[in-house]
N, C-alpha and C. Protein backbone atom coordinates (compact mmCIF):
# COMPACT_ATOMS: atom_id res chain seq x y z
N UNK A 1 14.76 -10.13 14.10
CA UNK A 1 14.28 -9.06 13.35
C UNK A 1 13.34 -8.27 14.20
N UNK A 2 13.42 -6.90 14.00
CA UNK A 2 12.45 -6.10 14.84
C UNK A 2 11.04 -6.40 14.38
N UNK A 3 10.08 -6.24 15.46
CA UNK A 3 8.60 -6.55 14.99
C UNK A 3 7.77 -5.33 15.24
N UNK A 4 6.76 -5.25 14.43
CA UNK A 4 5.63 -4.25 14.68
C UNK A 4 4.34 -5.09 14.54
N UNK A 5 3.45 -5.05 15.62
CA UNK A 5 2.25 -5.80 15.47
C UNK A 5 1.04 -4.61 15.02
N UNK A 6 0.40 -5.03 13.94
CA UNK A 6 -0.78 -4.27 13.48
C UNK A 6 -1.99 -4.95 14.20
N UNK A 7 -2.47 -4.39 15.16
CA UNK A 7 -3.61 -4.95 15.97
C UNK A 7 -4.86 -5.09 15.07
N UNK A 8 -5.64 -6.17 15.35
CA UNK A 8 -6.95 -6.25 14.70
C UNK A 8 -7.72 -5.06 14.93
N UNK A 9 -8.44 -4.62 13.91
CA UNK A 9 -9.27 -3.31 13.89
C UNK A 9 -8.57 -2.15 13.78
N UNK A 10 -7.17 -2.13 13.57
CA UNK A 10 -6.54 -0.91 13.26
C UNK A 10 -7.03 -0.40 12.04
N UNK A 11 -7.26 0.98 11.97
CA UNK A 11 -7.66 1.57 10.69
C UNK A 11 -6.60 1.73 9.87
N UNK A 12 -6.77 1.34 8.63
CA UNK A 12 -5.74 1.38 7.54
C UNK A 12 -6.32 1.94 6.36
N UNK A 13 -5.51 2.47 5.26
CA UNK A 13 -6.12 2.94 4.03
C UNK A 13 -5.45 2.27 2.89
N UNK A 14 -6.26 2.15 1.89
CA UNK A 14 -5.67 1.57 0.59
C UNK A 14 -6.25 2.36 -0.59
N UNK A 15 -5.37 2.87 -1.43
CA UNK A 15 -5.66 3.44 -2.74
C UNK A 15 -5.75 2.34 -3.75
N UNK A 16 -6.91 2.15 -4.41
CA UNK A 16 -7.10 0.92 -5.26
C UNK A 16 -7.88 1.24 -6.33
N UNK A 17 -7.92 0.45 -7.54
CA UNK A 17 -8.82 0.64 -8.56
C UNK A 17 -10.22 0.12 -8.12
N UNK A 18 -11.20 0.42 -8.80
CA UNK A 18 -12.56 -0.09 -8.36
C UNK A 18 -12.86 -1.43 -8.84
N UNK A 19 -12.09 -2.06 -9.68
CA UNK A 19 -12.25 -3.28 -10.15
C UNK A 19 -12.16 -4.38 -9.11
N UNK A 20 -11.23 -4.09 -8.09
CA UNK A 20 -10.98 -4.98 -7.05
C UNK A 20 -11.28 -4.38 -5.75
N UNK A 21 -11.46 -5.12 -4.73
CA UNK A 21 -11.66 -4.54 -3.38
C UNK A 21 -10.35 -4.10 -2.80
N UNK A 22 -10.40 -3.41 -1.73
CA UNK A 22 -9.25 -2.94 -1.07
C UNK A 22 -8.35 -4.08 -0.46
N UNK A 23 -9.03 -5.15 -0.12
CA UNK A 23 -8.36 -6.44 0.41
C UNK A 23 -8.06 -7.27 -0.79
N UNK A 24 -7.02 -6.93 -1.52
CA UNK A 24 -6.61 -7.81 -2.69
C UNK A 24 -5.15 -8.14 -2.42
N UNK A 25 -4.87 -9.46 -2.33
CA UNK A 25 -3.53 -9.92 -2.10
C UNK A 25 -2.95 -10.41 -3.43
N UNK A 26 -2.07 -9.57 -3.93
CA UNK A 26 -1.33 -9.62 -5.38
C UNK A 26 -0.28 -10.60 -5.36
N UNK A 27 -0.31 -11.52 -6.31
CA UNK A 27 0.80 -12.44 -6.26
C UNK A 27 1.61 -12.29 -7.61
N UNK A 28 1.30 -11.17 -8.39
CA UNK A 28 2.16 -10.84 -9.53
C UNK A 28 3.57 -10.41 -9.07
N UNK A 29 4.46 -10.25 -10.00
CA UNK A 29 5.77 -9.81 -9.63
C UNK A 29 5.89 -8.31 -9.71
N UNK A 30 4.76 -7.70 -9.72
CA UNK A 30 4.77 -6.10 -10.01
C UNK A 30 4.90 -5.34 -8.70
N UNK A 31 4.82 -5.86 -7.46
CA UNK A 31 4.86 -5.12 -6.31
C UNK A 31 6.20 -5.35 -5.55
N UNK A 32 6.61 -4.33 -4.80
CA UNK A 32 7.87 -4.41 -4.05
C UNK A 32 7.95 -5.72 -3.27
N UNK A 33 6.99 -6.02 -2.31
CA UNK A 33 7.09 -7.12 -1.47
C UNK A 33 6.08 -8.24 -1.83
N UNK A 34 5.72 -8.26 -3.07
CA UNK A 34 4.70 -9.38 -3.51
C UNK A 34 5.32 -10.75 -3.41
N UNK A 35 4.46 -11.58 -2.80
CA UNK A 35 4.83 -13.02 -2.67
C UNK A 35 4.27 -13.73 -3.85
N UNK A 36 5.00 -14.75 -4.41
CA UNK A 36 4.42 -15.62 -5.43
C UNK A 36 3.19 -16.39 -4.96
N UNK A 37 2.27 -16.79 -5.93
CA UNK A 37 1.12 -17.69 -5.74
C UNK A 37 1.72 -18.97 -5.14
N UNK A 38 0.93 -19.58 -4.24
CA UNK A 38 -0.46 -19.29 -3.78
C UNK A 38 -0.64 -18.18 -2.80
N UNK A 39 0.47 -17.51 -2.40
CA UNK A 39 0.35 -16.42 -1.43
C UNK A 39 0.33 -15.07 -2.22
N UNK A 40 0.05 -14.03 -1.53
CA UNK A 40 0.07 -12.72 -2.12
C UNK A 40 0.22 -11.64 -1.12
N UNK A 41 0.31 -10.41 -1.53
CA UNK A 41 0.61 -9.33 -0.66
C UNK A 41 -0.39 -8.30 -0.79
N UNK A 42 -1.04 -7.60 0.26
CA UNK A 42 -1.96 -6.57 0.24
C UNK A 42 -1.21 -5.34 0.83
N UNK A 43 -1.20 -4.28 0.10
CA UNK A 43 -0.57 -3.00 0.55
C UNK A 43 -1.51 -2.14 1.20
N UNK A 44 -1.20 -1.53 2.26
CA UNK A 44 -2.10 -0.57 3.09
C UNK A 44 -1.15 0.43 3.65
N UNK A 45 -1.82 1.48 4.30
CA UNK A 45 -1.09 2.52 5.03
C UNK A 45 -1.82 3.01 6.22
N UNK A 46 -1.04 3.65 7.17
CA UNK A 46 -1.66 4.13 8.25
C UNK A 46 -2.15 5.63 8.04
N UNK A 47 -1.77 6.19 6.99
CA UNK A 47 -2.09 7.53 6.55
C UNK A 47 -2.70 7.53 5.10
N UNK A 48 -3.71 8.41 4.79
CA UNK A 48 -4.26 8.57 3.55
C UNK A 48 -3.25 8.95 2.57
N UNK A 49 -2.33 10.03 3.01
CA UNK A 49 -1.37 10.47 2.03
C UNK A 49 -0.33 9.36 1.54
N UNK A 50 0.05 8.48 2.52
CA UNK A 50 0.91 7.41 2.15
C UNK A 50 0.16 6.51 1.07
N UNK A 51 -1.03 6.09 1.33
CA UNK A 51 -1.73 5.26 0.41
C UNK A 51 -1.83 5.92 -1.00
N UNK A 52 -2.01 7.29 -1.03
CA UNK A 52 -2.23 7.87 -2.27
C UNK A 52 -0.90 8.14 -2.93
N UNK A 53 0.21 8.47 -2.18
CA UNK A 53 1.48 8.58 -2.89
C UNK A 53 1.97 7.19 -3.39
N UNK A 54 1.75 6.23 -2.70
CA UNK A 54 2.10 4.93 -3.26
C UNK A 54 1.34 4.51 -4.47
N UNK A 55 0.15 4.95 -4.65
CA UNK A 55 -0.63 4.69 -5.82
C UNK A 55 -0.15 5.48 -6.94
N UNK A 56 0.04 6.82 -6.77
CA UNK A 56 0.34 7.69 -7.92
C UNK A 56 1.85 7.72 -8.23
N UNK A 57 2.68 7.38 -7.29
CA UNK A 57 4.11 7.20 -7.39
C UNK A 57 4.80 8.24 -8.20
N UNK A 58 5.46 7.90 -9.32
CA UNK A 58 6.22 8.82 -10.12
C UNK A 58 5.38 9.61 -11.05
N UNK A 59 4.03 9.45 -11.13
CA UNK A 59 3.18 10.19 -12.06
C UNK A 59 2.90 11.58 -11.48
N UNK A 60 3.29 11.87 -10.24
CA UNK A 60 3.04 13.21 -9.72
C UNK A 60 4.31 14.06 -10.09
N UNK A 61 4.08 15.16 -10.67
CA UNK A 61 5.12 15.95 -11.08
C UNK A 61 5.72 16.81 -9.94
N UNK A 62 6.92 17.26 -10.22
CA UNK A 62 7.58 18.03 -9.12
C UNK A 62 6.75 19.17 -8.51
N UNK A 63 5.80 19.67 -9.16
CA UNK A 63 4.88 20.70 -8.65
C UNK A 63 3.70 20.02 -7.94
N UNK A 64 3.73 18.77 -7.70
CA UNK A 64 2.59 18.19 -7.08
C UNK A 64 1.30 18.05 -7.76
N UNK A 65 1.42 17.97 -9.06
CA UNK A 65 0.22 17.90 -9.96
C UNK A 65 -0.02 16.44 -10.37
N UNK A 66 -1.28 16.00 -10.29
CA UNK A 66 -1.53 14.67 -10.76
C UNK A 66 -2.71 14.90 -11.89
N UNK A 67 -2.68 14.07 -12.83
CA UNK A 67 -3.76 14.13 -13.86
C UNK A 67 -5.07 13.69 -13.41
N UNK A 68 -6.10 14.34 -13.94
CA UNK A 68 -7.43 14.02 -13.58
C UNK A 68 -7.79 12.60 -13.90
N UNK A 69 -7.21 12.07 -15.07
CA UNK A 69 -7.44 10.74 -15.44
C UNK A 69 -6.90 9.79 -14.34
N UNK A 70 -5.77 9.98 -13.84
CA UNK A 70 -5.15 9.18 -12.89
C UNK A 70 -5.89 9.27 -11.64
N UNK A 71 -6.15 10.51 -11.13
CA UNK A 71 -7.06 10.59 -9.94
C UNK A 71 -8.43 9.90 -10.03
N UNK A 72 -8.98 9.94 -11.17
CA UNK A 72 -10.30 9.24 -11.33
C UNK A 72 -10.16 7.79 -11.37
N UNK A 73 -9.03 7.27 -11.54
CA UNK A 73 -8.87 5.69 -11.81
C UNK A 73 -8.86 5.00 -10.38
N UNK A 74 -8.88 5.64 -9.35
CA UNK A 74 -8.88 4.97 -8.10
C UNK A 74 -9.81 5.71 -7.00
N UNK A 75 -9.93 4.89 -5.93
CA UNK A 75 -10.48 5.45 -4.73
C UNK A 75 -9.67 5.05 -3.47
N UNK A 76 -9.91 5.52 -2.37
CA UNK A 76 -9.30 5.24 -1.08
C UNK A 76 -10.28 4.64 -0.25
N UNK A 77 -10.06 3.45 0.23
CA UNK A 77 -10.90 2.80 1.17
C UNK A 77 -10.25 2.69 2.60
N UNK A 78 -11.16 2.70 3.62
CA UNK A 78 -10.60 2.36 4.83
C UNK A 78 -10.70 0.81 4.96
N UNK A 79 -9.83 0.27 5.76
CA UNK A 79 -9.80 -1.10 6.08
C UNK A 79 -9.52 -1.48 7.39
N UNK A 80 -9.95 -2.71 7.89
CA UNK A 80 -9.70 -3.17 9.29
C UNK A 80 -9.53 -4.62 9.16
N UNK A 81 -8.40 -5.09 9.65
CA UNK A 81 -8.18 -6.56 9.60
C UNK A 81 -8.92 -7.21 10.66
N UNK A 82 -9.41 -8.36 10.57
CA UNK A 82 -9.99 -9.15 11.62
C UNK A 82 -8.98 -9.80 12.61
N UNK A 83 -7.77 -9.81 12.26
CA UNK A 83 -6.72 -10.38 13.17
C UNK A 83 -5.61 -9.57 13.31
N UNK A 84 -4.78 -9.78 14.27
CA UNK A 84 -3.44 -9.16 14.36
C UNK A 84 -2.55 -9.64 13.33
N UNK A 85 -1.62 -8.81 12.82
CA UNK A 85 -0.54 -9.10 11.93
C UNK A 85 0.76 -8.75 12.50
N UNK A 86 1.59 -9.76 12.59
CA UNK A 86 2.94 -9.63 13.14
C UNK A 86 3.87 -9.25 11.95
N UNK A 87 4.27 -8.08 11.90
CA UNK A 87 5.22 -7.61 10.73
C UNK A 87 6.61 -7.33 11.12
N UNK A 88 7.44 -7.66 10.16
CA UNK A 88 8.93 -7.25 10.29
C UNK A 88 9.09 -5.87 10.13
N UNK A 89 9.59 -5.21 11.00
CA UNK A 89 9.77 -3.66 11.05
C UNK A 89 11.11 -3.40 10.20
N UNK A 90 11.11 -3.36 8.91
CA UNK A 90 12.34 -3.32 8.26
C UNK A 90 12.88 -1.85 8.04
N UNK A 91 12.22 -0.89 8.61
CA UNK A 91 12.68 0.48 8.65
C UNK A 91 13.08 0.85 10.04
N UNK A 92 13.15 -0.13 10.96
CA UNK A 92 13.63 0.18 12.32
C UNK A 92 15.15 0.35 12.29
N UNK A 93 15.61 1.11 13.34
CA UNK A 93 17.06 1.30 13.36
C UNK A 93 17.77 0.00 13.63
N UNK A 94 17.09 -1.03 14.29
CA UNK A 94 17.75 -2.27 14.53
C UNK A 94 17.68 -3.23 13.25
N UNK A 95 17.07 -2.91 12.24
CA UNK A 95 16.92 -3.89 11.11
C UNK A 95 18.35 -3.97 10.44
N UNK A 96 19.17 -2.91 10.50
CA UNK A 96 20.51 -3.12 9.98
C UNK A 96 21.30 -4.31 10.46
N UNK A 97 20.92 -4.71 11.66
CA UNK A 97 21.55 -5.88 12.33
C UNK A 97 21.37 -7.13 11.63
N UNK A 98 20.26 -7.06 10.81
CA UNK A 98 19.82 -8.15 10.04
C UNK A 98 20.00 -8.13 8.65
N UNK A 99 20.84 -7.10 8.21
CA UNK A 99 21.34 -7.00 6.86
C UNK A 99 20.36 -6.08 6.06
N UNK A 100 19.34 -5.47 6.58
CA UNK A 100 18.52 -4.69 5.90
C UNK A 100 18.81 -3.10 6.03
N UNK A 101 18.93 -2.41 4.93
CA UNK A 101 19.16 -1.03 4.91
C UNK A 101 18.05 -0.28 4.10
N UNK A 102 17.98 1.08 4.16
CA UNK A 102 16.96 1.75 3.54
C UNK A 102 16.66 1.50 2.01
N UNK A 103 17.75 1.00 1.41
CA UNK A 103 17.72 0.80 0.00
C UNK A 103 16.60 -0.36 -0.33
N UNK A 104 16.18 -1.20 0.55
CA UNK A 104 15.26 -2.14 0.41
C UNK A 104 13.84 -1.53 0.00
N UNK A 105 13.49 -0.37 0.54
CA UNK A 105 12.18 0.26 0.36
C UNK A 105 12.30 1.27 -0.78
N UNK A 106 13.48 1.42 -1.45
CA UNK A 106 13.63 2.42 -2.42
C UNK A 106 14.07 1.87 -3.70
N UNK A 107 14.72 0.76 -3.79
CA UNK A 107 15.23 0.25 -5.01
C UNK A 107 14.21 -0.02 -6.17
N UNK A 108 14.67 0.27 -7.37
CA UNK A 108 13.69 0.17 -8.48
C UNK A 108 13.62 -1.42 -8.84
N UNK A 109 14.43 -2.13 -8.73
CA UNK A 109 14.46 -3.62 -9.10
C UNK A 109 13.86 -4.37 -7.77
N UNK A 110 12.59 -4.84 -8.10
CA UNK A 110 11.89 -5.53 -6.96
C UNK A 110 12.29 -6.89 -6.68
N UNK A 111 13.23 -7.50 -7.44
CA UNK A 111 13.63 -8.92 -7.17
C UNK A 111 14.20 -9.15 -5.68
N UNK A 112 15.05 -8.12 -5.29
CA UNK A 112 15.63 -8.24 -4.00
C UNK A 112 14.58 -8.08 -2.81
N UNK A 113 13.74 -7.04 -2.94
CA UNK A 113 12.65 -6.97 -1.90
C UNK A 113 11.77 -8.10 -1.93
N UNK A 114 11.40 -8.69 -3.02
CA UNK A 114 10.58 -9.90 -3.08
C UNK A 114 11.22 -11.07 -2.42
N UNK A 115 12.59 -11.23 -2.66
CA UNK A 115 13.25 -12.37 -2.00
C UNK A 115 13.22 -12.12 -0.47
N UNK A 116 13.35 -10.81 0.01
CA UNK A 116 13.28 -10.53 1.43
C UNK A 116 11.93 -10.88 2.04
N UNK A 117 10.85 -10.54 1.18
CA UNK A 117 9.50 -10.85 1.61
C UNK A 117 9.25 -12.35 1.79
N UNK A 118 9.80 -13.06 0.90
CA UNK A 118 9.64 -14.61 1.03
C UNK A 118 10.38 -15.04 2.34
N UNK A 119 11.63 -14.56 2.47
CA UNK A 119 12.39 -15.00 3.70
C UNK A 119 11.62 -14.50 5.02
N UNK A 120 11.18 -13.26 5.00
CA UNK A 120 10.40 -12.81 6.20
C UNK A 120 9.21 -13.53 6.36
N UNK A 121 8.35 -13.98 5.41
CA UNK A 121 7.32 -14.79 5.58
C UNK A 121 7.60 -16.15 6.13
N UNK A 122 8.76 -16.75 5.49
CA UNK A 122 9.19 -18.03 6.03
C UNK A 122 9.69 -18.13 7.56
N UNK A 123 10.02 -16.90 8.15
CA UNK A 123 10.32 -16.71 9.45
C UNK A 123 9.21 -16.33 10.27
N UNK A 124 7.91 -16.70 9.89
CA UNK A 124 6.71 -16.54 10.65
C UNK A 124 6.20 -15.18 10.79
N UNK A 125 6.62 -14.19 9.99
CA UNK A 125 5.93 -12.97 9.95
C UNK A 125 4.88 -12.87 8.99
N UNK A 126 3.93 -12.01 9.29
CA UNK A 126 2.66 -11.98 8.48
C UNK A 126 2.67 -10.69 7.60
N UNK A 127 3.67 -10.02 7.64
CA UNK A 127 3.67 -8.79 6.82
C UNK A 127 5.02 -8.03 7.03
N UNK A 128 4.98 -6.85 6.39
CA UNK A 128 6.22 -5.96 6.51
C UNK A 128 5.70 -4.54 6.85
N UNK A 129 6.32 -3.91 7.88
CA UNK A 129 6.02 -2.51 8.31
C UNK A 129 7.24 -1.74 7.78
N UNK A 130 7.02 -0.76 6.92
CA UNK A 130 8.22 -0.02 6.31
C UNK A 130 7.85 1.49 6.10
N UNK A 131 8.88 2.18 5.88
CA UNK A 131 8.76 3.67 5.39
C UNK A 131 8.68 3.67 3.91
N UNK A 132 7.55 4.27 3.44
CA UNK A 132 7.27 4.38 2.03
C UNK A 132 8.41 5.00 1.21
N UNK A 133 8.74 4.64 0.08
CA UNK A 133 9.71 5.32 -0.82
C UNK A 133 9.21 6.56 -1.29
N UNK A 134 7.87 6.83 -1.14
CA UNK A 134 7.22 8.09 -1.82
C UNK A 134 6.83 9.00 -0.84
N UNK A 135 7.17 8.92 0.46
CA UNK A 135 6.84 9.83 1.46
C UNK A 135 8.12 10.09 2.33
N UNK A 136 8.12 10.94 3.29
CA UNK A 136 9.06 11.17 4.22
C UNK A 136 8.40 11.16 5.53
N UNK A 137 9.17 11.19 6.65
CA UNK A 137 8.68 11.16 7.94
C UNK A 137 8.61 9.69 8.50
N UNK A 138 7.56 9.58 9.38
CA UNK A 138 7.43 8.22 10.15
C UNK A 138 7.04 7.11 9.24
N UNK A 139 7.15 5.97 9.84
CA UNK A 139 6.92 4.66 9.08
C UNK A 139 5.33 4.58 9.00
N UNK A 140 4.82 4.43 7.73
CA UNK A 140 3.40 4.41 7.63
C UNK A 140 2.80 3.38 6.65
N UNK A 141 3.74 2.57 6.05
CA UNK A 141 3.25 1.65 5.02
C UNK A 141 3.35 0.07 5.48
N UNK A 142 2.35 -0.56 4.94
CA UNK A 142 2.30 -2.07 5.29
C UNK A 142 2.19 -2.89 4.04
N UNK A 143 2.81 -4.10 4.16
CA UNK A 143 2.68 -5.11 3.11
C UNK A 143 2.26 -6.28 3.90
N UNK A 144 0.93 -6.66 3.84
CA UNK A 144 0.48 -7.76 4.63
C UNK A 144 0.29 -9.07 3.70
N UNK A 145 0.65 -10.15 4.31
CA UNK A 145 0.71 -11.37 3.58
C UNK A 145 -0.59 -12.22 3.78
N UNK A 146 -0.94 -12.91 2.74
CA UNK A 146 -2.22 -13.80 2.87
C UNK A 146 -2.28 -14.69 1.55
N UNK A 147 -3.34 -15.35 1.49
CA UNK A 147 -3.56 -16.12 0.22
C UNK A 147 -3.93 -15.22 -0.98
N UNK A 148 -3.41 -15.55 -2.15
CA UNK A 148 -3.62 -14.67 -3.26
C UNK A 148 -5.10 -14.43 -3.59
N UNK A 149 -5.38 -13.25 -3.99
CA UNK A 149 -6.71 -12.90 -4.36
C UNK A 149 -7.50 -12.25 -3.18
N UNK A 150 -8.78 -12.33 -3.15
CA UNK A 150 -9.67 -11.72 -2.16
C UNK A 150 -9.84 -12.60 -1.05
N UNK A 151 -9.78 -12.19 0.20
CA UNK A 151 -9.83 -12.96 1.38
C UNK A 151 -11.29 -13.28 1.72
N UNK A 152 -12.28 -12.61 1.24
CA UNK A 152 -13.63 -12.86 1.70
C UNK A 152 -14.28 -11.81 2.56
N UNK A 153 -15.44 -11.95 3.01
CA UNK A 153 -16.26 -10.91 3.65
C UNK A 153 -15.72 -10.69 5.13
N UNK A 154 -14.91 -11.50 5.63
CA UNK A 154 -14.41 -11.27 7.06
C UNK A 154 -13.53 -10.04 7.15
N UNK A 155 -12.81 -9.60 6.06
CA UNK A 155 -12.02 -8.47 6.07
C UNK A 155 -12.89 -7.29 5.67
N UNK A 156 -13.04 -6.41 6.53
CA UNK A 156 -13.90 -5.13 6.37
C UNK A 156 -13.20 -4.10 5.60
N UNK A 157 -13.89 -3.41 4.77
CA UNK A 157 -13.44 -2.18 3.95
C UNK A 157 -14.72 -1.29 3.75
N UNK A 158 -14.49 -0.03 3.65
CA UNK A 158 -15.53 0.90 3.16
C UNK A 158 -14.84 1.95 2.40
N UNK A 159 -15.55 2.52 1.40
CA UNK A 159 -15.08 3.64 0.68
C UNK A 159 -14.93 4.87 1.37
N UNK A 160 -13.89 5.47 1.40
CA UNK A 160 -13.44 6.53 2.22
C UNK A 160 -13.45 7.91 1.43
N UNK A 161 -12.82 8.00 0.26
CA UNK A 161 -12.73 9.03 -0.64
C UNK A 161 -12.49 8.59 -2.10
N UNK A 162 -12.91 9.63 -2.91
CA UNK A 162 -12.67 9.36 -4.33
C UNK A 162 -11.17 9.77 -4.58
N UNK A 163 -10.66 9.27 -5.57
CA UNK A 163 -9.25 9.65 -5.98
C UNK A 163 -8.92 11.00 -5.98
N UNK A 164 -9.78 11.88 -6.65
CA UNK A 164 -9.51 13.30 -6.64
C UNK A 164 -9.56 13.94 -5.25
N UNK A 165 -10.47 13.35 -4.38
CA UNK A 165 -10.55 13.90 -3.03
C UNK A 165 -9.35 13.68 -2.28
N UNK A 166 -8.92 12.33 -2.46
CA UNK A 166 -7.66 11.79 -1.60
C UNK A 166 -6.40 12.57 -2.11
N UNK A 167 -6.41 12.83 -3.51
CA UNK A 167 -5.16 13.63 -4.00
C UNK A 167 -5.10 15.01 -3.32
N UNK A 168 -6.26 15.66 -3.33
CA UNK A 168 -6.37 17.04 -2.80
C UNK A 168 -6.08 17.04 -1.46
N UNK A 169 -6.59 16.05 -0.64
CA UNK A 169 -6.38 16.00 0.77
C UNK A 169 -4.82 15.74 1.12
N UNK A 170 -4.18 15.17 0.18
CA UNK A 170 -2.73 14.85 0.28
C UNK A 170 -1.85 16.00 -0.24
N UNK A 171 -2.48 17.07 -0.55
CA UNK A 171 -1.70 18.19 -0.98
C UNK A 171 -1.28 18.30 -2.49
N UNK A 172 -2.06 17.49 -3.23
CA UNK A 172 -1.69 17.39 -4.62
C UNK A 172 -2.87 18.20 -5.40
N UNK A 173 -2.54 18.78 -6.56
CA UNK A 173 -3.46 19.48 -7.41
C UNK A 173 -3.92 18.43 -8.52
N UNK A 174 -5.20 18.35 -8.70
CA UNK A 174 -5.71 17.44 -9.71
C UNK A 174 -5.97 18.34 -11.01
N UNK A 175 -5.35 18.11 -12.06
CA UNK A 175 -5.51 18.97 -13.16
C UNK A 175 -5.95 18.23 -14.47
N UNK A 176 -6.82 18.88 -15.29
CA UNK A 176 -7.38 18.31 -16.50
C UNK A 176 -8.84 18.31 -16.36
N UNK A 177 -9.39 18.06 -17.59
CA UNK A 177 -10.91 17.93 -17.49
C UNK A 177 -11.32 16.70 -16.78
N UNK A 178 -12.59 16.66 -16.33
CA UNK A 178 -13.01 15.48 -15.69
C UNK A 178 -13.22 14.32 -16.78
N UNK A 179 -13.03 13.16 -16.32
CA UNK A 179 -13.18 11.99 -17.30
C UNK A 179 -14.74 11.73 -17.42
N UNK A 180 -15.17 10.98 -18.41
CA UNK A 180 -16.58 10.70 -18.62
C UNK A 180 -16.95 9.74 -17.43
N UNK A 181 -16.11 8.88 -17.10
CA UNK A 181 -16.34 7.92 -15.87
C UNK A 181 -16.75 8.78 -14.63
N UNK A 182 -16.04 9.92 -14.43
CA UNK A 182 -16.32 10.61 -13.10
C UNK A 182 -17.60 11.41 -13.13
N UNK A 183 -18.21 11.63 -14.29
CA UNK A 183 -19.47 12.51 -14.34
C UNK A 183 -20.72 11.73 -14.08
N UNK A 184 -21.66 12.40 -13.54
CA UNK A 184 -23.01 11.90 -13.46
C UNK A 184 -23.97 12.44 -14.34
N UNK A 185 -24.50 11.74 -15.24
CA UNK A 185 -25.36 12.30 -16.27
C UNK A 185 -26.82 12.27 -15.65
N UNK A 186 -27.56 13.44 -15.77
CA UNK A 186 -28.90 13.46 -15.22
C UNK A 186 -29.94 13.60 -16.26
């Protein structure tokens, strides 16, 4: 399997709700490459736009408009892992030799990608490096494996942008009145 190493201290981005930190390893069956408990998967990106587009997904209209409520529901954090991650490069030209084609990162049914994630983890990989289904161009998405939940203070993160700022920086228009949550009352 082709490999891509994410070096420790590589700057990554994650669009996430504020209830959880950026470093959250999800074990629900709601994510493309989510591993079942006791393991989990944390999604990140090497570009802000990829992180945002993975968060808003199909909620962005053809005219690149996102609702104010959706934009206000998340923030983008910068992240840096304390260790290297050896990732399977599933969007590499050589991945086809292992039975992996582009459909793996675009299919709507997550059961097959989740089975691949389990197989990839069982073969000593610590994540998946892939081309996002919601962007074009170079490979910029990461699915990193770890224990389900929050890994603790060793994993660094810092708030980078609000959701509306990140949407606008990604070329989207944020439309609608501000939500009460986004206003500061003086």
